[in-house]
Amino acid sequence: MKRLSVLTLIGLAVLLAVPALAADRTITNGVDLWRTPGNGMTFADFSKEFLPGGFFCPGSAPFTGRVVLKGIPIASAKPGAVGAADTIIQRLDNATFNKRGVATTRIQMRAMQFESLAPVKTTCGDFNLKVTLDGEQPITRMRIVRENEKGGHFYAPISVNVRLSFTPVGRATTEALELRKALRFPPAPNAQWADLPGTGRPSEGVLKVDTDSDGLPDTFLPGTTNFAAGRPSTPEKALAVVADGCHTADEGQHCPVTTVSAE
């Protein structure tokens, strides 16, 4: 009888361990797709690093305002392949979890484009602001923590080189006034991820997307994989589109939501 009890306990232990064993040990390299709503949460802030006097026209005052931004969907060779994504971050390496449930990978911004929600008003007239990537992008490291078989949370500082283009509104000239910046954002405080069956595995395997914001797809990137950034790991909330917290720095704030859906 005692022997039977021991065998029964061993059997129960094996059954309880199945979910942990079923979880992927490695997160495959790929891309994460984000959409930036024009809800006031994402903005460029010039209060600390202001635009100098004379930037918009001779004699114009220094600009210290805040410009609310919204995303511009990225063009892809296959319409709808990236949904309404305006931001694409690539995970460059496979990330394998250690015994503590921690994995690391390198990340790089590959595509990003925003525009002002409303024209920027100055004494020199109105300007539309567009924010795009500027040349080669820095690489940072992402730390991924698995809390259960469904996912967990991650830490991902973002470094990005951007071009800010102010285009005159309602005037004969359309020549933009440009400014270049190197932005460094600390990790979002509430970044979650989920490992959902069938999540974001495009049938073509790769994506051809516009990375220089000229409207023409120019670069092949891997598709999304078994890492659904921005999704909670709790099953009851797995289908909800949730905010990934906000990346906040002196120069502004970016608060995207995931565009990946569970199929």
Protein backbone atom coordinates (compact mmCIF):
# COMPACT_ATOMS: atom_id res chain seq x y z
CA MET A 1 0.00 0.00 0.00
CA LYS A 2 2.85 2.37 0.86
CA ARG A 3 4.55 1.52 -2.45
CA LEU A 4 1.37 2.39 -4.33
CA SER A 5 1.16 5.72 -2.51
CA VAL A 6 4.73 6.59 -3.44
CA LEU A 7 4.11 5.74 -7.10
CA THR A 8 0.94 7.81 -7.04
CA LEU A 9 2.80 10.82 -5.63
CA ILE A 10 5.51 10.48 -8.29
CA GLY A 11 2.84 10.36 -10.98
CA LEU A 12 1.18 13.51 -9.68
CA ALA A 13 4.53 15.30 -9.56
CA VAL A 14 5.16 14.43 -13.21
CA LEU A 15 1.73 15.71 -14.21
CA LEU A 16 2.28 18.97 -12.35
CA ALA A 17 5.61 19.43 -14.10
CA VAL A 18 4.12 19.09 -17.60
CA PRO A 19 3.19 22.80 -18.04
CA ALA A 20 6.73 23.91 -17.19
CA LEU A 21 8.23 21.33 -19.56
CA ALA A 22 5.77 22.38 -22.27
CA ALA A 23 7.02 25.97 -22.20
CA ASP A 24 9.51 26.94 -24.89
CA ARG A 25 13.07 27.00 -23.55
CA THR A 26 14.21 29.28 -26.37
CA ILE A 27 12.65 32.44 -27.79
CA THR A 28 13.42 32.58 -31.49
CA ASN A 29 14.88 35.76 -32.97
CA GLY A 30 12.34 37.85 -34.84
CA VAL A 31 10.49 41.16 -34.73
CA ASP A 32 8.03 42.82 -32.39
CA LEU A 33 5.34 45.03 -33.93
CA TRP A 34 3.96 48.10 -32.15
CA ARG A 35 1.26 50.67 -32.84
CA THR A 36 1.31 54.20 -31.40
CA PRO A 37 -2.17 55.69 -30.74
CA GLY A 38 -2.65 59.44 -30.92
CA ASN A 39 -4.08 59.54 -27.40
CA GLY A 40 -1.74 62.17 -25.96
CA MET A 41 0.53 59.65 -24.23
CA THR A 42 3.28 59.78 -26.88
CA PHE A 43 4.96 63.14 -27.39
CA ALA A 44 8.14 65.07 -28.11
CA ASP A 45 9.06 67.41 -25.25
CA PHE A 46 11.22 70.46 -25.93
CA SER A 47 10.98 71.99 -22.45
CA LYS A 48 14.48 70.86 -21.39
CA GLU A 49 16.25 70.74 -24.76
CA PHE A 50 14.43 73.55 -26.53
CA LEU A 51 14.65 74.55 -30.18
CA PRO A 52 16.84 77.69 -30.34
CA GLY A 53 15.59 81.12 -31.27
CA GLY A 54 15.50 81.61 -35.03
CA PHE A 55 14.91 77.92 -35.77
CA PHE A 56 11.54 78.38 -37.50
CA CYS A 57 12.33 81.78 -39.06
CA PRO A 58 14.58 84.77 -38.35
CA GLY A 59 13.67 86.27 -34.99
CA SER A 60 11.45 83.40 -33.84
CA ALA A 61 11.45 82.70 -30.10
CA PRO A 62 12.93 79.51 -28.64
CA PHE A 63 10.41 76.66 -28.81
CA THR A 64 9.81 74.90 -25.49
CA GLY A 65 6.48 73.20 -26.16
CA ARG A 66 5.24 69.62 -26.22
CA VAL A 67 4.14 68.02 -29.50
CA VAL A 68 1.71 65.09 -29.29
CA LEU A 69 2.54 62.33 -31.78
CA LYS A 70 0.73 59.45 -33.45
CA GLY A 71 2.06 56.56 -35.50
CA ILE A 72 2.16 56.31 -39.29
CA PRO A 73 1.61 52.70 -40.47
CA ILE A 74 4.71 51.15 -42.07
CA ALA A 75 4.50 50.04 -45.69
CA SER A 76 5.12 46.36 -46.42
CA ALA A 77 5.45 44.35 -49.65
CA LYS A 78 2.46 42.25 -48.65
CA PRO A 79 -0.42 44.54 -47.65
CA GLY A 80 -1.46 43.97 -44.05
CA ALA A 81 1.61 41.87 -43.18
CA VAL A 82 2.52 44.19 -40.27
CA GLY A 83 -1.00 45.44 -39.57
CA ALA A 84 -1.07 49.05 -38.38
CA ALA A 85 2.43 48.86 -36.91
CA ASP A 86 4.45 52.08 -36.92
CA THR A 87 7.35 50.69 -34.89
CA ILE A 88 9.33 47.49 -35.55
CA ILE A 89 11.98 46.24 -33.13
CA GLN A 90 14.12 43.26 -34.07
CA ARG A 91 15.38 40.67 -31.57
CA LEU A 92 18.70 39.79 -33.18
CA ASP A 93 19.51 36.53 -31.35
CA ASN A 94 17.76 33.44 -30.10
CA ALA A 95 17.28 33.81 -26.33
CA THR A 96 17.58 30.65 -24.23
CA PHE A 97 16.32 30.62 -20.64
CA ASN A 98 18.72 29.59 -17.88
CA LYS A 99 17.75 27.69 -14.72
CA ARG A 100 16.47 30.92 -13.16
CA GLY A 101 14.11 31.54 -16.09
CA VAL A 102 16.12 34.46 -17.49
CA ALA A 103 17.17 34.94 -21.12
CA THR A 104 18.90 37.78 -22.96
CA THR A 105 19.06 38.99 -26.55
CA ARG A 106 20.18 42.05 -28.48
CA ILE A 107 17.56 44.39 -29.91
CA GLN A 108 17.59 47.10 -32.57
CA MET A 109 15.01 49.55 -33.88
CA ARG A 110 14.42 48.71 -37.56
CA ALA A 111 11.47 50.90 -38.54
CA MET A 112 9.66 53.78 -36.83
CA GLN A 113 7.61 56.74 -38.00
CA PHE A 114 5.40 59.24 -36.17
CA GLU A 115 3.71 62.51 -37.04
CA SER A 116 2.24 65.36 -35.01
CA LEU A 117 -1.40 64.94 -34.08
CA ALA A 118 -1.98 68.62 -34.96
CA PRO A 119 0.22 71.28 -36.61
CA VAL A 120 2.83 72.95 -34.41
CA LYS A 121 1.85 76.62 -34.07
CA THR A 122 4.62 79.23 -34.08
CA THR A 123 4.95 82.95 -34.84
CA CYS A 124 6.38 81.84 -38.20
CA GLY A 125 3.27 79.85 -39.13
CA ASP A 126 2.18 76.24 -38.65
CA PHE A 127 4.43 73.20 -39.12
CA ASN A 128 3.74 69.47 -39.29
CA LEU A 129 6.31 67.40 -37.40
CA LYS A 130 7.42 63.98 -38.65
CA VAL A 131 9.78 61.74 -36.66
CA THR A 132 11.69 59.01 -38.52
CA LEU A 133 14.83 56.93 -38.10
CA ASP A 134 18.16 58.50 -39.00
CA GLY A 135 20.77 56.11 -40.38
CA GLU A 136 22.25 53.09 -38.59
CA GLN A 137 20.58 52.35 -35.27
CA PRO A 138 22.24 51.44 -31.95
CA ILE A 139 21.93 47.98 -30.43
CA THR A 140 20.86 47.43 -26.82
CA ARG A 141 20.18 44.34 -24.72
CA MET A 142 16.81 42.90 -23.69
CA ARG A 143 16.43 40.81 -20.52
CA ILE A 144 13.49 38.41 -20.61
CA VAL A 145 12.10 36.77 -17.47
CA ARG A 146 9.78 33.77 -17.60
CA GLU A 147 7.30 33.73 -14.71
CA ASN A 148 5.23 30.75 -15.87
CA GLU A 149 4.66 28.59 -18.94
CA LYS A 150 2.56 31.37 -20.50
CA GLY A 151 5.16 34.16 -20.32
CA GLY A 152 6.40 36.86 -17.96
CA HIS A 153 8.02 40.29 -18.15
CA PHE A 154 11.02 41.90 -19.85
CA TYR A 155 13.40 44.84 -19.59
CA ALA A 156 14.37 46.60 -22.81
CA PRO A 157 16.14 49.98 -22.88
CA ILE A 158 15.71 51.64 -26.26
CA SER A 159 18.36 53.67 -28.10
CA VAL A 160 17.35 55.34 -31.33
CA ASN A 161 18.76 57.95 -33.70
CA VAL A 162 15.96 60.08 -35.14
CA ARG A 163 15.35 62.85 -37.64
CA LEU A 164 12.72 65.48 -36.76
CA SER A 165 11.31 67.19 -39.85
CA PHE A 166 9.14 70.32 -39.50
CA THR A 167 7.26 70.91 -42.77
CA PRO A 168 5.49 74.28 -43.33
CA VAL A 169 1.69 74.14 -43.62
CA GLY A 170 -0.26 76.25 -46.14
CA ARG A 171 2.77 77.87 -47.77
CA ALA A 172 4.38 77.66 -51.19
CA THR A 173 7.57 76.15 -49.81
CA THR A 174 7.44 72.59 -48.54
CA GLU A 175 11.11 72.40 -47.57
CA ALA A 176 11.36 70.87 -44.12
CA LEU A 177 13.42 72.21 -41.25
CA GLU A 178 15.36 69.25 -39.86
CA LEU A 179 16.90 68.33 -36.56
CA ARG A 180 18.76 65.15 -35.61
CA LYS A 181 18.77 63.61 -32.15
CA ALA A 182 20.15 60.54 -30.39
CA LEU A 183 17.52 59.39 -27.89
CA ARG A 184 18.06 56.98 -25.03
CA PHE A 185 15.00 55.59 -23.23
CA PRO A 186 15.13 53.44 -20.07
CA PRO A 187 13.05 50.23 -19.97
CA ALA A 188 9.28 50.54 -19.69
CA PRO A 189 8.35 49.64 -16.10
CA ASN A 190 5.48 47.26 -16.91
CA ALA A 191 6.61 45.38 -20.02
CA GLN A 192 4.94 41.98 -20.30
CA TRP A 193 5.17 39.15 -22.81
CA ALA A 194 3.25 35.99 -23.57
CA ASP A 195 4.03 32.71 -25.28
CA LEU A 196 0.75 32.10 -27.11
CA PRO A 197 0.12 29.21 -29.54
CA GLY A 198 0.03 30.50 -33.11
CA THR A 199 0.94 34.04 -32.14
CA GLY A 200 2.32 36.13 -34.95
CA ARG A 201 3.86 33.50 -37.21
CA PRO A 202 3.42 35.02 -40.68
CA SER A 203 3.01 32.43 -43.41
CA GLU A 204 5.72 33.98 -45.59
CA GLY A 205 8.33 33.58 -42.84
CA VAL A 206 9.93 36.94 -43.62
CA LEU A 207 8.65 40.48 -43.99
CA LYS A 208 9.75 43.11 -46.51
CA VAL A 209 9.12 46.53 -45.00
CA ASP A 210 9.91 50.22 -45.42
CA THR A 211 12.75 51.12 -43.04
CA ASP A 212 13.64 54.62 -44.32
CA SER A 213 10.10 56.07 -44.36
CA ASP A 214 9.91 56.75 -48.10
CA GLY A 215 6.83 54.55 -48.49
CA LEU A 216 8.67 51.79 -50.39
CA PRO A 217 9.47 48.41 -48.79
CA ASP A 218 13.25 48.02 -48.90
CA THR A 219 14.43 45.57 -46.23
CA PHE A 220 13.73 41.92 -45.43
CA LEU A 221 13.20 41.15 -41.74
CA PRO A 222 12.30 37.91 -39.95
CA GLY A 223 8.68 37.54 -38.92
CA THR A 224 7.20 37.50 -35.43
CA THR A 225 7.82 34.37 -33.35
CA ASN A 226 6.91 32.78 -30.02
CA PHE A 227 7.38 36.06 -28.14
CA ALA A 228 4.26 38.26 -27.98
CA ALA A 229 5.61 41.50 -26.51
CA GLY A 230 3.01 43.58 -24.71
CA ARG A 231 0.68 40.66 -23.99
CA PRO A 232 -0.06 39.58 -20.40
CA SER A 233 0.80 36.00 -19.51
CA THR A 234 -2.49 35.39 -17.68
CA PRO A 235 -4.77 33.26 -19.88
CA GLU A 236 -7.92 35.25 -19.10
CA LYS A 237 -6.34 38.41 -20.51
CA ALA A 238 -4.33 36.86 -23.34
CA LEU A 239 -6.56 38.20 -26.14
CA ALA A 240 -6.62 41.77 -24.89
CA VAL A 241 -4.48 44.41 -26.56
CA VAL A 242 -2.63 46.04 -23.69
CA ALA A 243 -0.21 48.89 -23.20
CA ASP A 244 3.43 48.05 -22.71
CA GLY A 245 3.92 50.85 -20.24
CA CYS A 246 5.82 53.90 -21.47
CA HIS A 247 9.42 54.61 -22.36
CA THR A 248 10.03 58.05 -20.81
CA ALA A 249 13.02 60.38 -21.14
CA ASP A 250 13.69 64.13 -20.99
CA GLU A 251 13.09 64.44 -24.73
CA GLY A 252 9.66 62.83 -24.67
CA GLN A 253 7.65 59.67 -24.16
CA HIS A 254 6.59 56.68 -26.26
CA CYS A 255 3.59 54.58 -25.18
CA PRO A 256 2.89 51.91 -27.80
CA VAL A 257 0.46 49.00 -27.80
CA THR A 258 1.11 45.61 -29.36
CA THR A 259 -0.36 44.86 -32.78
CA VAL A 260 0.15 41.09 -32.60
CA SER A 261 -3.07 39.09 -32.32
CA ALA A 262 -3.58 35.54 -31.10
CA GLU A 263 -4.93 33.29 -33.82
